[in-house]
Amino acid sequence: MKFRDLKLGTKQIIGFGCILLIMAGVNVFSIHKMTQLKIEIDEISRNWLPRALAISDINKNTADFRIKQLQYAFA
C-alpha cells in the first residue's frame, strides 16, 4: 500500500505522529543535555569557585601589601 493511496485522515495521523516523535526526541535530548549541564555547574560551584575566590583574596592582599610598601617608602 502506497502513501499516496492512503486516506487524508490516515496521512494526517502519520504526519502528526512523526512530528510528535521528533518532538519527543528533541525533549529527551534536551533533558539529557540539561542534566549534563547541571552536573558541570555543580562541579564548578564545588571545586572551581572556592579556588577562584581564594585567588581573588590573594590578589587583594598582595595589592594591599604593595600599597602599604609604597606608603612606607614615601613616608
Protein backbone atom coordinates (compact mmCIF):
# COMPACT_ATOMS: atom_id res chain seq x y z
CA MET A 1 0.00 0.00 0.00
CA LYS A 2 1.47 3.36 -1.05
CA PHE A 3 1.34 6.53 0.99
CA ARG A 4 -0.36 8.23 -1.94
CA ASP A 5 -3.25 5.78 -1.74
CA LEU A 6 -3.99 6.36 1.95
CA LYS A 7 -6.94 8.43 3.12
CA LEU A 8 -6.34 12.04 4.13
CA GLY A 9 -7.09 11.32 7.79
CA THR A 10 -4.56 8.50 7.84
CA LYS A 11 -1.93 10.74 6.24
CA GLN A 12 -2.60 13.40 8.85
CA ILE A 13 -2.29 10.89 11.68
CA ILE A 14 1.03 9.66 10.26
CA GLY A 15 2.27 13.25 9.81
CA PHE A 16 1.34 14.33 13.31
CA GLY A 17 2.76 11.10 14.69
CA CYS A 18 6.09 11.87 13.02
CA ILE A 19 6.04 15.39 14.45
CA LEU A 20 5.30 14.02 17.92
CA LEU A 21 8.17 11.53 17.64
CA ILE A 22 10.55 14.30 16.59
CA MET A 23 9.38 16.50 19.47
CA ALA A 24 9.81 13.64 21.93
CA GLY A 25 13.34 13.05 20.63
CA VAL A 26 14.22 16.72 21.00
CA ASN A 27 12.80 16.74 24.54
CA VAL A 28 14.79 13.67 25.57
CA PHE A 29 17.95 15.19 24.07
CA SER A 30 17.31 18.49 25.87
CA ILE A 31 16.70 16.81 29.21
CA HIS A 32 19.91 14.81 28.81
CA LYS A 33 21.93 17.95 27.99
CA MET A 34 20.37 19.89 30.87
CA THR A 35 21.33 17.08 33.25
CA GLN A 36 24.91 17.22 31.99
CA LEU A 37 24.90 21.00 32.37
CA LYS A 38 23.69 20.72 35.98
CA ILE A 39 26.49 18.26 36.76
CA GLU A 40 29.07 20.65 35.31
CA ILE A 41 27.59 23.64 37.17
CA ASP A 42 27.70 21.68 40.44
CA GLU A 43 31.35 20.80 39.80
CA ILE A 44 32.23 24.42 39.11
CA SER A 45 30.46 25.65 42.22
CA ARG A 46 32.06 22.98 44.42
CA ASN A 47 35.62 22.95 43.06
CA TRP A 48 36.46 25.96 40.95
CA LEU A 49 34.59 28.79 42.62
CA PRO A 50 36.24 28.45 46.07
CA ARG A 51 39.65 28.37 44.37
CA ALA A 52 38.82 31.45 42.33
CA LEU A 53 37.70 33.26 45.48
CA ALA A 54 40.92 32.28 47.25
CA ILE A 55 42.98 33.58 44.34
CA SER A 56 40.99 36.81 44.42
CA ASP A 57 41.75 37.19 48.13
CA ILE A 58 45.45 36.58 47.47
CA ASN A 59 45.44 39.24 44.73
CA LYS A 60 43.69 41.72 47.03
CA ASN A 61 46.11 41.04 49.87
CA THR A 62 49.08 41.42 47.53
CA ALA A 63 47.74 44.74 46.24
CA ASP A 64 47.15 45.96 49.81
CA PHE A 65 50.70 44.94 50.74
CA ARG A 66 52.15 46.84 47.77
CA ILE A 67 50.16 49.94 48.70
CA LYS A 68 51.46 49.73 52.27
CA GLN A 69 55.03 49.35 50.95
CA LEU A 70 54.67 52.47 48.79
CA GLN A 71 53.14 54.42 51.66
CA TYR A 72 56.04 53.38 53.90
CA ALA A 73 58.61 54.23 51.22
CA PHE A 74 57.17 57.72 50.66
CA ALA A 75 56.69 58.46 54.36
